[in-house]
Structures are given as structure tokens and as C-alpha cells.
Amino acid sequence: MTPGARICFEDLVCFDRNKSYVSGLLVAGVDEAGRGALAGPVIAAAVICEPYDDLAEVRDSKLIRESVREELFELVIERCGAWSIGVIEPDSIDRINIFRATLEAMRRAIEGLRPKPSLVLVDGIHTPDVDITAEAVRGGDRKSFSIAAASIVAKVSRDRIMREMAGKYPGYGFTRNKGYGTREHIEAILREGPTPIHRRSFHVRADR
């Protein structure tokens, strides 16, 4: 049994429905991808999506194989009521720090939604500064269907960018590591130096 299989689709759906039933609100899920990477942007996604039967495999994106994530991304985009992403590039991350960059990406994603939700459920312990009621949900990508759907949209959107960057900057393994600090990636940075998409404010440790 895969880790994702232990997360019940009905429980994810119930979490969101409890929020909307109690408040009578249109609910969106928000999550990010790339916060801990050494290269590439941080991307946040905001999604308003009903839990249709063909989305029953939606889980935290980290628990889903890449090929399945790609398929679910297309389904979520097709079936959702609204979706939006916010992208913050490495130079901005270096300028304002990754914490603020992540919140700004989330803010942009939320502001891009049409129709506007009345409540956003944000994975983590912090919420962006928006004029919509926002609730932080620790471990939300494993509790909320909407956040899990957003995690897939954010992850796949970023992965596609990093695969493009692999063609522009060969030798760093971006197709495999997506900019995260794997041994292969760190060795490439130490050997070749950083590219323009590397975050200069992130410290690279040779002993990883």
C-alpha cells in the first residue's frame, strides 16, 4: 500500500464540506511548491474545485508518482471552478526572503481567482495578507481536498518549468531534482557554479 492510499478521499472531502456547511462559503485551497529548492521559482496555486468522482485519487502531491500527478493536474484544471497560480522568481526570493516570497505567491494566486472565494484554506501555519477570510491548516495537503488539489497544480506547474530549465541549463539534473538540493545537484553547483535561476541567498552545503 502506498502512503497516499492511507489518506481517505472521503475524509479530505468531508474536511472541506464541514467548512462550507458551517460558514455557507465558497472555499478555495492554497498550497505552494518549491519553497525548499535551491533553484527555480516558488509557485503557489489556489483552486476552487468540487470533489468529482474522477478526482478520487487527489492527494498531497508528494505522495503521488510524477506520471499520476500530471494526469491529475489535467483533470483538476478541467473540472475545477477556478484556478490560479502565483510565481515568484529567484531574484525576488533573494531580495525579500523565501518566507515573504511564499506568502506573496499565495497572495497572487488567491487574487487571481474568478469567482472570488469567501474562504481560503492555506496549507501551513501562516496565511497571506488578502481581503478574504483565510485559515491556516497545518498539514492541510493531507486533510483538505481543496488544498491537496492545489498542491498538485502548484507542483506540476513548477515541475514543468524546471524541466524547461533543464534544457537551458544542462548538467544540473533539473529534470530529476527539480532544483532541490540532491547530492547530484549540489555537486553540479560546486563544479559549475550557480546559474541565473539559482537562489543566491540559499547556502549550499557540500556534505549533503
N, C-alpha and C. Protein backbone atom coordinates (compact mmCIF):
# COMPACT_ATOMS: atom_id res chain seq x y z
N MET A 1 0.84 -1.20 0.00
CA MET A 1 0.00 0.00 0.00
C MET A 1 0.88 1.25 0.00
N THR A 2 0.58 2.19 -0.88
CA THR A 2 1.33 3.43 -0.94
C THR A 2 0.90 4.36 0.19
N PRO A 3 1.77 5.31 0.61
CA PRO A 3 1.36 6.25 1.66
C PRO A 3 0.09 7.00 1.32
N GLY A 4 -0.08 7.37 0.05
CA GLY A 4 -1.26 8.11 -0.35
C GLY A 4 -2.53 7.33 -0.18
N ALA A 5 -2.43 5.98 -0.29
CA ALA A 5 -3.62 5.15 -0.19
C ALA A 5 -4.21 5.20 1.21
N ARG A 6 -3.39 5.51 2.21
CA ARG A 6 -3.88 5.56 3.58
C ARG A 6 -4.67 6.84 3.87
N ILE A 7 -4.62 7.79 2.96
CA ILE A 7 -5.41 9.01 3.11
C ILE A 7 -6.73 8.79 2.40
N CYS A 8 -7.81 8.90 3.13
CA CYS A 8 -9.14 8.60 2.60
C CYS A 8 -9.71 9.81 1.86
N PHE A 9 -10.11 9.59 0.62
CA PHE A 9 -10.69 10.64 -0.20
C PHE A 9 -11.90 11.26 0.50
N GLU A 10 -12.73 10.41 1.10
CA GLU A 10 -13.93 10.91 1.77
C GLU A 10 -13.58 11.83 2.94
N ASP A 11 -12.48 11.54 3.63
CA ASP A 11 -12.06 12.40 4.74
C ASP A 11 -11.61 13.77 4.23
N LEU A 12 -10.89 13.79 3.11
CA LEU A 12 -10.47 15.06 2.52
C LEU A 12 -11.68 15.89 2.14
N VAL A 13 -12.65 15.24 1.52
CA VAL A 13 -13.87 15.93 1.08
C VAL A 13 -14.67 16.43 2.28
N CYS A 14 -14.77 15.59 3.30
CA CYS A 14 -15.54 15.94 4.50
C CYS A 14 -14.95 17.18 5.19
N PHE A 15 -13.63 17.28 5.21
CA PHE A 15 -12.99 18.43 5.84
C PHE A 15 -13.47 19.72 5.18
N ASP A 16 -13.46 19.75 3.85
CA ASP A 16 -13.88 20.96 3.13
C ASP A 16 -15.37 21.22 3.29
N ARG A 17 -16.14 20.16 3.23
CA ARG A 17 -17.59 20.34 3.32
C ARG A 17 -18.00 20.84 4.68
N ASN A 18 -17.31 20.42 5.71
CA ASN A 18 -17.60 20.94 7.04
C ASN A 18 -17.35 22.44 7.10
N LYS A 19 -16.31 22.88 6.43
CA LYS A 19 -16.02 24.32 6.40
C LYS A 19 -17.11 25.08 5.65
N SER A 20 -17.52 24.56 4.51
CA SER A 20 -18.50 25.28 3.70
C SER A 20 -19.90 25.18 4.30
N TYR A 21 -20.22 24.05 4.90
CA TYR A 21 -21.56 23.91 5.50
C TYR A 21 -21.72 24.83 6.70
N VAL A 22 -20.68 24.88 7.53
CA VAL A 22 -20.76 25.71 8.73
C VAL A 22 -20.85 27.19 8.37
N SER A 23 -20.07 27.59 7.37
CA SER A 23 -19.98 29.01 7.06
C SER A 23 -20.84 29.43 5.87
N GLY A 24 -21.27 28.45 5.07
CA GLY A 24 -22.01 28.78 3.85
C GLY A 24 -21.15 29.48 2.83
N LEU A 25 -19.85 29.18 2.82
CA LEU A 25 -18.91 29.91 1.99
C LEU A 25 -18.39 29.08 0.82
N LEU A 26 -17.97 29.77 -0.22
CA LEU A 26 -17.25 29.15 -1.32
C LEU A 26 -15.79 29.02 -0.90
N VAL A 27 -15.28 27.80 -0.91
CA VAL A 27 -13.96 27.50 -0.34
C VAL A 27 -12.93 27.24 -1.43
N ALA A 28 -11.74 27.81 -1.25
CA ALA A 28 -10.61 27.53 -2.12
C ALA A 28 -9.47 26.94 -1.29
N GLY A 29 -8.68 26.08 -1.91
CA GLY A 29 -7.49 25.54 -1.28
C GLY A 29 -6.25 26.21 -1.85
N VAL A 30 -5.22 26.39 -1.02
CA VAL A 30 -3.99 27.06 -1.44
C VAL A 30 -2.80 26.27 -0.93
N ASP A 31 -1.82 26.06 -1.83
CA ASP A 31 -0.58 25.39 -1.43
C ASP A 31 0.55 25.89 -2.32
N GLU A 32 1.79 25.59 -1.90
CA GLU A 32 2.96 26.06 -2.65
C GLU A 32 3.85 24.89 -3.02
N ALA A 33 4.75 25.16 -3.97
CA ALA A 33 5.78 24.20 -4.35
C ALA A 33 7.08 24.96 -4.58
N GLY A 34 8.17 24.38 -4.14
CA GLY A 34 9.48 24.96 -4.39
C GLY A 34 10.06 25.79 -3.28
N ARG A 35 9.42 25.80 -2.14
CA ARG A 35 9.93 26.64 -1.05
C ARG A 35 11.34 26.23 -0.64
N GLY A 36 11.61 24.95 -0.60
CA GLY A 36 12.91 24.49 -0.11
C GLY A 36 13.94 24.23 -1.19
N ALA A 37 13.64 24.57 -2.43
CA ALA A 37 14.57 24.31 -3.54
C ALA A 37 15.72 25.31 -3.53
N LEU A 38 16.81 24.92 -4.18
CA LEU A 38 17.97 25.80 -4.33
C LEU A 38 17.90 26.61 -5.61
N ALA A 39 17.05 26.18 -6.54
CA ALA A 39 16.95 26.86 -7.83
C ALA A 39 15.51 26.89 -8.29
N GLY A 40 15.20 27.88 -9.11
CA GLY A 40 13.87 27.98 -9.66
C GLY A 40 12.94 28.80 -8.79
N PRO A 41 11.73 29.05 -9.29
CA PRO A 41 10.77 29.89 -8.57
C PRO A 41 10.07 29.14 -7.45
N VAL A 42 9.42 29.89 -6.59
CA VAL A 42 8.42 29.31 -5.69
C VAL A 42 7.07 29.61 -6.33
N ILE A 43 6.22 28.61 -6.37
CA ILE A 43 4.92 28.74 -7.02
C ILE A 43 3.82 28.34 -6.03
N ALA A 44 2.78 29.15 -5.98
CA ALA A 44 1.60 28.83 -5.19
C ALA A 44 0.42 28.66 -6.13
N ALA A 45 -0.48 27.77 -5.76
CA ALA A 45 -1.70 27.57 -6.53
C ALA A 45 -2.90 27.75 -5.62
N ALA A 46 -3.96 28.32 -6.16
CA ALA A 46 -5.24 28.44 -5.48
C ALA A 46 -6.29 27.77 -6.36
N VAL A 47 -7.10 26.91 -5.77
CA VAL A 47 -8.04 26.10 -6.54
C VAL A 47 -9.40 26.07 -5.86
N ILE A 48 -10.44 26.29 -6.65
CA ILE A 48 -11.82 26.05 -6.21
C ILE A 48 -12.31 24.85 -7.00
N CYS A 49 -12.57 23.74 -6.33
CA CYS A 49 -12.86 22.52 -7.06
C CYS A 49 -13.82 21.62 -6.29
N GLU A 50 -14.83 21.14 -6.98
CA GLU A 50 -15.73 20.15 -6.41
C GLU A 50 -15.07 18.77 -6.48
N PRO A 51 -15.32 17.92 -5.50
CA PRO A 51 -14.68 16.59 -5.47
C PRO A 51 -15.40 15.57 -6.35
N TYR A 52 -15.32 15.73 -7.65
CA TYR A 52 -15.94 14.80 -8.57
C TYR A 52 -15.32 13.41 -8.43
N ASP A 53 -16.08 12.40 -8.82
CA ASP A 53 -15.61 11.01 -8.66
C ASP A 53 -14.30 10.75 -9.38
N ASP A 54 -14.09 11.39 -10.53
CA ASP A 54 -12.86 11.12 -11.27
C ASP A 54 -11.65 11.82 -10.67
N LEU A 55 -11.85 12.54 -9.56
CA LEU A 55 -10.75 13.16 -8.83
C LEU A 55 -10.46 12.42 -7.53
N ALA A 56 -10.93 11.21 -7.41
CA ALA A 56 -10.80 10.46 -6.16
C ALA A 56 -9.35 10.12 -5.81
N GLU A 57 -8.44 10.22 -6.77
CA GLU A 57 -7.03 9.95 -6.49
C GLU A 57 -6.27 11.20 -6.03
N VAL A 58 -6.94 12.32 -5.94
CA VAL A 58 -6.28 13.55 -5.48
C VAL A 58 -5.79 13.36 -4.05
N ARG A 59 -4.52 13.64 -3.85
CA ARG A 59 -3.86 13.54 -2.55
C ARG A 59 -2.80 14.63 -2.49
N ASP A 60 -2.13 14.73 -1.36
CA ASP A 60 -0.93 15.53 -1.25
C ASP A 60 0.00 15.15 -2.42
N SER A 61 0.45 16.14 -3.17
CA SER A 61 1.23 15.86 -4.38
C SER A 61 2.50 15.07 -4.09
N LYS A 62 3.04 15.20 -2.89
CA LYS A 62 4.28 14.49 -2.55
C LYS A 62 4.07 12.98 -2.45
N LEU A 63 2.82 12.57 -2.35
CA LEU A 63 2.51 11.14 -2.20
C LEU A 63 2.12 10.49 -3.52
N ILE A 64 2.21 11.22 -4.61
CA ILE A 64 1.74 10.72 -5.90
C ILE A 64 2.90 10.67 -6.89
N ARG A 65 2.98 9.60 -7.65
CA ARG A 65 4.01 9.47 -8.68
C ARG A 65 3.87 10.59 -9.71
N GLU A 66 4.99 10.98 -10.30
CA GLU A 66 5.00 12.11 -11.23
C GLU A 66 4.02 11.91 -12.38
N SER A 67 3.97 10.71 -12.94
CA SER A 67 3.07 10.46 -14.07
C SER A 67 1.61 10.62 -13.66
N VAL A 68 1.28 10.19 -12.44
CA VAL A 68 -0.09 10.31 -11.95
C VAL A 68 -0.41 11.77 -11.65
N ARG A 69 0.56 12.50 -11.10
CA ARG A 69 0.35 13.93 -10.84
C ARG A 69 0.01 14.68 -12.12
N GLU A 70 0.71 14.35 -13.20
CA GLU A 70 0.45 15.01 -14.47
C GLU A 70 -0.98 14.76 -14.94
N GLU A 71 -1.44 13.52 -14.80
CA GLU A 71 -2.81 13.18 -15.20
C GLU A 71 -3.82 13.91 -14.32
N LEU A 72 -3.57 13.93 -13.02
CA LEU A 72 -4.50 14.58 -12.10
C LEU A 72 -4.50 16.09 -12.31
N PHE A 73 -3.37 16.66 -12.64
CA PHE A 73 -3.30 18.09 -12.94
C PHE A 73 -4.29 18.44 -14.06
N GLU A 74 -4.26 17.67 -15.13
CA GLU A 74 -5.15 17.94 -16.26
C GLU A 74 -6.61 17.78 -15.85
N LEU A 75 -6.90 16.79 -15.02
CA LEU A 75 -8.27 16.58 -14.55
C LEU A 75 -8.74 17.72 -13.66
N VAL A 76 -7.88 18.13 -12.74
CA VAL A 76 -8.25 19.22 -11.83
C VAL A 76 -8.52 20.50 -12.62
N ILE A 77 -7.63 20.81 -13.56
CA ILE A 77 -7.80 22.02 -14.37
C ILE A 77 -9.10 21.96 -15.17
N GLU A 78 -9.41 20.77 -15.68
CA GLU A 78 -10.63 20.61 -16.48
C GLU A 78 -11.89 20.72 -15.63
N ARG A 79 -11.84 20.16 -14.42
CA ARG A 79 -13.04 20.02 -13.60
C ARG A 79 -13.26 21.16 -12.61
N CYS A 80 -12.22 21.92 -12.30
CA CYS A 80 -12.36 22.90 -11.22
C CYS A 80 -13.18 24.10 -11.66
N GLY A 81 -13.73 24.79 -10.68
CA GLY A 81 -14.48 26.01 -10.95
C GLY A 81 -13.58 27.18 -11.23
N ALA A 82 -12.39 27.18 -10.63
CA ALA A 82 -11.42 28.25 -10.86
C ALA A 82 -10.07 27.80 -10.34
N TRP A 83 -9.03 28.29 -10.99
CA TRP A 83 -7.67 28.03 -10.50
C TRP A 83 -6.77 29.17 -10.91
N SER A 84 -5.70 29.36 -10.15
CA SER A 84 -4.77 30.44 -10.42
C SER A 84 -3.44 30.09 -9.77
N ILE A 85 -2.35 30.57 -10.35
CA ILE A 85 -1.05 30.38 -9.73
C ILE A 85 -0.36 31.73 -9.54
N GLY A 86 0.51 31.77 -8.55
CA GLY A 86 1.38 32.92 -8.32
C GLY A 86 2.82 32.46 -8.38
N VAL A 87 3.66 33.17 -9.10
CA VAL A 87 5.05 32.78 -9.32
C VAL A 87 5.98 33.89 -8.83
N ILE A 88 6.94 33.51 -7.99
CA ILE A 88 7.96 34.45 -7.54
C ILE A 88 9.32 33.90 -7.97
N GLU A 89 10.04 34.69 -8.74
CA GLU A 89 11.30 34.25 -9.33
C GLU A 89 12.45 34.32 -8.32
N PRO A 90 13.55 33.63 -8.61
CA PRO A 90 14.67 33.55 -7.66
C PRO A 90 15.23 34.90 -7.22
N ASP A 91 15.33 35.88 -8.15
CA ASP A 91 15.90 37.17 -7.75
C ASP A 91 15.02 37.86 -6.71
N SER A 92 13.71 37.70 -6.84
CA SER A 92 12.80 38.28 -5.84
C SER A 92 12.88 37.53 -4.53
N ILE A 93 13.04 36.20 -4.60
CA ILE A 93 13.22 35.41 -3.38
C ILE A 93 14.44 35.90 -2.62
N ASP A 94 15.53 36.13 -3.36
CA ASP A 94 16.75 36.61 -2.71
C ASP A 94 16.56 37.99 -2.09
N ARG A 95 15.74 38.80 -2.72
CA ARG A 95 15.56 40.18 -2.25
C ARG A 95 14.66 40.26 -1.02
N ILE A 96 13.59 39.45 -0.98
CA ILE A 96 12.62 39.62 0.12
C ILE A 96 12.60 38.45 1.10
N ASN A 97 13.32 37.37 0.83
CA ASN A 97 13.44 36.12 1.57
C ASN A 97 12.32 35.14 1.21
N ILE A 98 12.58 33.87 1.42
CA ILE A 98 11.68 32.83 0.94
C ILE A 98 10.34 32.83 1.68
N PHE A 99 10.33 33.19 2.94
CA PHE A 99 9.07 33.23 3.69
C PHE A 99 8.12 34.25 3.07
N ARG A 100 8.61 35.46 2.89
CA ARG A 100 7.76 36.51 2.32
C ARG A 100 7.42 36.21 0.86
N ALA A 101 8.36 35.60 0.14
CA ALA A 101 8.10 35.25 -1.26
C ALA A 101 6.98 34.22 -1.37
N THR A 102 6.98 33.25 -0.45
CA THR A 102 5.93 32.22 -0.47
C THR A 102 4.56 32.84 -0.21
N LEU A 103 4.48 33.72 0.78
CA LEU A 103 3.21 34.38 1.07
C LEU A 103 2.76 35.27 -0.08
N GLU A 104 3.72 35.92 -0.75
CA GLU A 104 3.37 36.76 -1.89
C GLU A 104 2.86 35.90 -3.06
N ALA A 105 3.48 34.75 -3.29
CA ALA A 105 2.99 33.85 -4.33
C ALA A 105 1.57 33.40 -4.02
N MET A 106 1.30 33.10 -2.76
CA MET A 106 -0.04 32.71 -2.35
C MET A 106 -1.03 33.85 -2.56
N ARG A 107 -0.61 35.04 -2.19
CA ARG A 107 -1.49 36.20 -2.36
C ARG A 107 -1.87 36.39 -3.83
N ARG A 108 -0.88 36.31 -4.69
CA ARG A 108 -1.13 36.47 -6.12
C ARG A 108 -2.07 35.38 -6.65
N ALA A 109 -1.86 34.16 -6.19
CA ALA A 109 -2.72 33.06 -6.64
C ALA A 109 -4.16 33.30 -6.21
N ILE A 110 -4.35 33.69 -4.98
CA ILE A 110 -5.70 33.95 -4.46
C ILE A 110 -6.35 35.11 -5.21
N GLU A 111 -5.59 36.18 -5.42
CA GLU A 111 -6.14 37.35 -6.10
C GLU A 111 -6.52 37.05 -7.54
N GLY A 112 -5.93 36.01 -8.12
CA GLY A 112 -6.22 35.66 -9.50
C GLY A 112 -7.46 34.81 -9.69
N LEU A 113 -8.08 34.37 -8.60
CA LEU A 113 -9.27 33.51 -8.72
C LEU A 113 -10.50 34.29 -9.17
N ARG A 114 -11.22 33.71 -10.09
CA ARG A 114 -12.53 34.20 -10.52
C ARG A 114 -13.44 32.99 -10.69
N PRO A 115 -14.51 32.86 -9.93
CA PRO A 115 -15.03 33.82 -8.94
C PRO A 115 -14.17 33.85 -7.68
N LYS A 116 -14.37 34.88 -6.90
CA LYS A 116 -13.64 35.01 -5.65
C LYS A 116 -14.24 34.07 -4.60
N PRO A 117 -13.42 33.34 -3.89
CA PRO A 117 -13.93 32.55 -2.77
C PRO A 117 -14.22 33.44 -1.57
N SER A 118 -14.98 32.92 -0.65
CA SER A 118 -15.22 33.63 0.60
C SER A 118 -14.28 33.15 1.71
N LEU A 119 -13.71 31.96 1.50
CA LEU A 119 -12.79 31.38 2.48
C LEU A 119 -11.68 30.67 1.73
N VAL A 120 -10.42 30.90 2.15
CA VAL A 120 -9.31 30.15 1.60
C VAL A 120 -8.66 29.34 2.71
N LEU A 121 -8.42 28.08 2.41
CA LEU A 121 -7.72 27.18 3.32
C LEU A 121 -6.29 27.07 2.83
N VAL A 122 -5.35 27.48 3.68
CA VAL A 122 -3.95 27.58 3.27
C VAL A 122 -3.12 26.53 3.99
N ASP A 123 -2.38 25.75 3.23
CA ASP A 123 -1.52 24.75 3.86
C ASP A 123 -0.42 25.43 4.67
N GLY A 124 -0.23 24.99 5.91
CA GLY A 124 0.83 25.54 6.74
C GLY A 124 0.30 26.24 7.98
N ILE A 125 1.12 27.15 8.51
CA ILE A 125 0.75 27.84 9.75
C ILE A 125 0.64 29.35 9.57
N HIS A 126 0.84 29.82 8.34
CA HIS A 126 0.74 31.26 8.05
C HIS A 126 -0.20 31.47 6.88
N THR A 127 -0.81 32.65 6.83
CA THR A 127 -1.68 32.99 5.73
C THR A 127 -1.22 34.30 5.10
N PRO A 128 -1.44 34.48 3.80
CA PRO A 128 -1.07 35.73 3.15
C PRO A 128 -2.03 36.85 3.51
N ASP A 129 -1.62 38.06 3.22
CA ASP A 129 -2.43 39.24 3.51
C ASP A 129 -3.41 39.46 2.35
N VAL A 130 -4.63 38.96 2.52
CA VAL A 130 -5.66 39.11 1.49
C VAL A 130 -6.95 39.60 2.14
N ASP A 131 -7.84 40.15 1.31
CA ASP A 131 -9.10 40.68 1.84
C ASP A 131 -10.19 39.62 1.83
N ILE A 132 -9.79 38.38 1.98
CA ILE A 132 -10.69 37.22 2.06
C ILE A 132 -10.35 36.48 3.34
N THR A 133 -11.34 35.92 3.99
CA THR A 133 -11.06 35.14 5.19
C THR A 133 -10.15 33.98 4.85
N ALA A 134 -9.03 33.89 5.56
CA ALA A 134 -8.03 32.85 5.30
C ALA A 134 -7.76 32.07 6.58
N GLU A 135 -7.68 30.76 6.43
CA GLU A 135 -7.44 29.89 7.58
C GLU A 135 -6.24 29.00 7.28
N ALA A 136 -5.24 29.05 8.15
CA ALA A 136 -4.07 28.18 8.01
C ALA A 136 -4.42 26.78 8.52
N VAL A 137 -4.02 25.78 7.77
CA VAL A 137 -4.29 24.39 8.13
C VAL A 137 -2.97 23.64 8.13
N ARG A 138 -2.45 23.36 9.30
CA ARG A 138 -1.19 22.63 9.40
C ARG A 138 -1.37 21.23 8.79
N GLY A 139 -0.49 20.85 7.88
CA GLY A 139 -0.63 19.57 7.20
C GLY A 139 -1.87 19.50 6.33
N GLY A 140 -2.28 20.66 5.82
CA GLY A 140 -3.54 20.74 5.09
C GLY A 140 -3.61 19.92 3.83
N ASP A 141 -2.45 19.67 3.18
CA ASP A 141 -2.47 18.89 1.95
C ASP A 141 -2.81 17.43 2.20
N ARG A 142 -2.86 17.02 3.47
CA ARG A 142 -3.28 15.66 3.81
C ARG A 142 -4.60 15.66 4.59
N LYS A 143 -5.24 16.83 4.67
CA LYS A 143 -6.51 16.94 5.37
C LYS A 143 -7.64 17.45 4.48
N SER A 144 -7.31 18.34 3.56
CA SER A 144 -8.31 19.05 2.76
C SER A 144 -8.21 18.67 1.29
N PHE A 145 -9.34 18.34 0.68
CA PHE A 145 -9.35 18.04 -0.75
C PHE A 145 -8.90 19.24 -1.56
N SER A 146 -9.40 20.42 -1.24
CA SER A 146 -9.06 21.62 -2.00
C SER A 146 -7.57 21.93 -1.92
N ILE A 147 -6.99 21.80 -0.73
CA ILE A 147 -5.56 22.05 -0.59
C ILE A 147 -4.76 20.99 -1.33
N ALA A 148 -5.19 19.74 -1.25
CA ALA A 148 -4.49 18.67 -1.98
C ALA A 148 -4.53 18.94 -3.48
N ALA A 149 -5.68 19.37 -3.99
CA ALA A 149 -5.79 19.71 -5.41
C ALA A 149 -4.84 20.85 -5.76
N ALA A 150 -4.77 21.86 -4.89
CA ALA A 150 -3.86 22.98 -5.12
C ALA A 150 -2.41 22.53 -5.09
N SER A 151 -2.10 21.56 -4.24
CA SER A 151 -0.72 21.07 -4.16
C SER A 151 -0.31 20.42 -5.47
N ILE A 152 -1.23 19.74 -6.12
CA ILE A 152 -0.95 19.11 -7.41
C ILE A 152 -0.73 20.18 -8.48
N VAL A 153 -1.59 21.18 -8.51
CA VAL A 153 -1.46 22.24 -9.51
C VAL A 153 -0.14 22.99 -9.32
N ALA A 154 0.21 23.30 -8.08
CA ALA A 154 1.46 24.02 -7.82
C ALA A 154 2.67 23.17 -8.19
N LYS A 155 2.66 21.91 -7.78
CA LYS A 155 3.80 21.02 -8.02
C LYS A 155 4.02 20.78 -9.51
N VAL A 156 2.97 20.45 -10.23
CA VAL A 156 3.12 20.17 -11.66
C VAL A 156 3.50 21.42 -12.43
N SER A 157 2.92 22.55 -12.07
CA SER A 157 3.27 23.81 -12.73
C SER A 157 4.75 24.10 -12.57
N ARG A 158 5.26 23.90 -11.38
CA ARG A 158 6.69 24.17 -11.14
C ARG A 158 7.57 23.13 -11.80
N ASP A 159 7.18 21.87 -11.73
CA ASP A 159 7.98 20.81 -12.35
C ASP A 159 8.15 21.05 -13.84
N ARG A 160 7.11 21.52 -14.49
CA ARG A 160 7.19 21.78 -15.92
C ARG A 160 8.17 22.90 -16.23
N ILE A 161 8.19 23.92 -15.38
CA ILE A 161 9.17 24.99 -15.54
C ILE A 161 10.58 24.45 -15.38
N MET A 162 10.80 23.61 -14.38
CA MET A 162 12.14 23.10 -14.12
C MET A 162 12.59 22.14 -15.22
N ARG A 163 11.67 21.41 -15.83
CA ARG A 163 12.07 20.58 -16.97
C ARG A 163 12.50 21.45 -18.15
N GLU A 164 11.85 22.59 -18.33
CA GLU A 164 12.28 23.53 -19.36
C GLU A 164 13.67 24.08 -19.03
N MET A 165 13.91 24.38 -17.77
CA MET A 165 15.21 24.90 -17.37
C MET A 165 16.32 23.88 -17.54
N ALA A 166 15.98 22.61 -17.51
CA ALA A 166 16.98 21.56 -17.72
C ALA A 166 17.57 21.65 -19.11
N GLY A 167 16.75 22.06 -20.09
CA GLY A 167 17.26 22.24 -21.44
C GLY A 167 18.13 23.47 -21.57
N LYS A 168 17.81 24.49 -20.80
CA LYS A 168 18.57 25.75 -20.85
C LYS A 168 19.86 25.66 -20.06
N TYR A 169 19.82 24.91 -18.95
CA TYR A 169 20.99 24.76 -18.09
C TYR A 169 21.28 23.28 -17.87
N PRO A 170 21.83 22.59 -18.87
CA PRO A 170 22.12 21.16 -18.73
C PRO A 170 23.23 20.91 -17.72
N GLY A 171 23.24 19.73 -17.17
CA GLY A 171 24.30 19.36 -16.24
C GLY A 171 23.95 19.50 -14.78
N TYR A 172 22.78 20.08 -14.47
CA TYR A 172 22.38 20.25 -13.07
C TYR A 172 21.32 19.24 -12.64
N GLY A 173 20.83 18.46 -13.58
CA GLY A 173 19.85 17.42 -13.24
C GLY A 173 18.48 17.95 -12.89
N PHE A 174 18.10 19.11 -13.44
CA PHE A 174 16.83 19.72 -13.07
C PHE A 174 15.62 18.83 -13.43
N THR A 175 15.74 18.03 -14.46
CA THR A 175 14.64 17.12 -14.80
C THR A 175 14.37 16.16 -13.66
N ARG A 176 15.45 15.73 -12.98
CA ARG A 176 15.30 14.77 -11.89
C ARG A 176 15.07 15.46 -10.55
N ASN A 177 15.87 16.47 -10.24
CA ASN A 177 15.81 17.04 -8.89
C ASN A 177 14.90 18.25 -8.75
N LYS A 178 14.45 18.82 -9.89
CA LYS A 178 13.54 19.99 -9.90
C LYS A 178 14.08 21.17 -9.11
N GLY A 179 15.41 21.23 -8.98
CA GLY A 179 16.02 22.35 -8.28
C GLY A 179 16.27 22.12 -6.80
N TYR A 180 15.88 20.97 -6.28
CA TYR A 180 16.10 20.68 -4.87
C TYR A 180 17.54 20.23 -4.63
N GLY A 181 17.94 20.23 -3.37
CA GLY A 181 19.34 20.03 -3.02
C GLY A 181 19.78 18.59 -2.93
N THR A 182 19.65 17.85 -4.00
CA THR A 182 20.17 16.48 -4.04
C THR A 182 21.69 16.52 -4.13
N ARG A 183 22.33 15.40 -3.86
CA ARG A 183 23.78 15.33 -3.95
C ARG A 183 24.26 15.68 -5.37
N GLU A 184 23.57 15.12 -6.36
CA GLU A 184 23.90 15.40 -7.75
C GLU A 184 23.86 16.90 -8.04
N HIS A 185 22.81 17.56 -7.57
CA HIS A 185 22.64 18.98 -7.83
C HIS A 185 23.71 19.80 -7.12
N ILE A 186 23.97 19.50 -5.87
CA ILE A 186 24.97 20.25 -5.12
C ILE A 186 26.36 20.07 -5.73
N GLU A 187 26.68 18.86 -6.15
CA GLU A 187 27.97 18.63 -6.78
C GLU A 187 28.09 19.43 -8.07
N ALA A 188 26.99 19.55 -8.80
CA ALA A 188 27.00 20.34 -10.04
C ALA A 188 27.22 21.82 -9.75
N ILE A 189 26.58 22.34 -8.69
CA ILE A 189 26.77 23.74 -8.32
C ILE A 189 28.22 24.00 -7.93
N LEU A 190 28.80 23.09 -7.15
CA LEU A 190 30.18 23.27 -6.71
C LEU A 190 31.14 23.15 -7.89
N ARG A 191 30.78 22.35 -8.86
CA ARG A 191 31.65 22.14 -10.02
C ARG A 191 31.50 23.24 -11.07
N GLU A 192 30.25 23.59 -11.37
CA GLU A 192 29.96 24.51 -12.48
C GLU A 192 29.64 25.93 -12.02
N GLY A 193 29.30 26.08 -10.74
CA GLY A 193 28.86 27.37 -10.26
C GLY A 193 27.35 27.52 -10.43
N PRO A 194 26.77 28.54 -9.81
CA PRO A 194 25.32 28.73 -9.90
C PRO A 194 24.90 29.30 -11.24
N THR A 195 23.66 29.01 -11.63
CA THR A 195 23.06 29.59 -12.82
C THR A 195 22.25 30.83 -12.43
N PRO A 196 21.73 31.57 -13.39
CA PRO A 196 20.87 32.71 -13.05
C PRO A 196 19.59 32.32 -12.33
N ILE A 197 19.19 31.05 -12.36
CA ILE A 197 17.97 30.67 -11.66
C ILE A 197 18.25 30.10 -10.28
N HIS A 198 19.50 30.08 -9.86
CA HIS A 198 19.81 29.64 -8.50
C HIS A 198 19.57 30.78 -7.51
N ARG A 199 19.15 30.41 -6.33
CA ARG A 199 18.88 31.37 -5.27
C ARG A 199 20.17 31.65 -4.52
N ARG A 200 20.69 32.83 -4.69
CA ARG A 200 22.00 33.16 -4.10
C ARG A 200 21.93 33.27 -2.59
N SER A 201 20.76 33.49 -2.04
CA SER A 201 20.61 33.63 -0.59
C SER A 201 20.53 32.27 0.11
N PHE A 202 20.45 31.19 -0.66
CA PHE A 202 20.40 29.85 -0.08
C PHE A 202 21.82 29.29 -0.01
N HIS A 203 22.19 28.75 1.13
CA HIS A 203 23.54 28.23 1.33
C HIS A 203 23.62 26.78 0.86
N VAL A 204 24.67 26.49 0.10
CA VAL A 204 24.89 25.14 -0.41
C VAL A 204 25.93 24.46 0.47
N ARG A 205 25.59 23.29 0.98
CA ARG A 205 26.48 22.55 1.84
C ARG A 205 27.01 21.34 1.07
N ALA A 206 28.34 21.23 1.04
CA ALA A 206 28.98 20.16 0.27
C ALA A 206 28.83 18.80 0.93
N ASP A 207 28.47 18.76 2.22
CA ASP A 207 28.40 17.48 2.93
C ASP A 207 27.02 16.84 2.85
N ARG A 208 26.11 17.35 2.03
CA ARG A 208 24.78 16.74 1.92
C ARG A 208 24.87 15.38 1.26
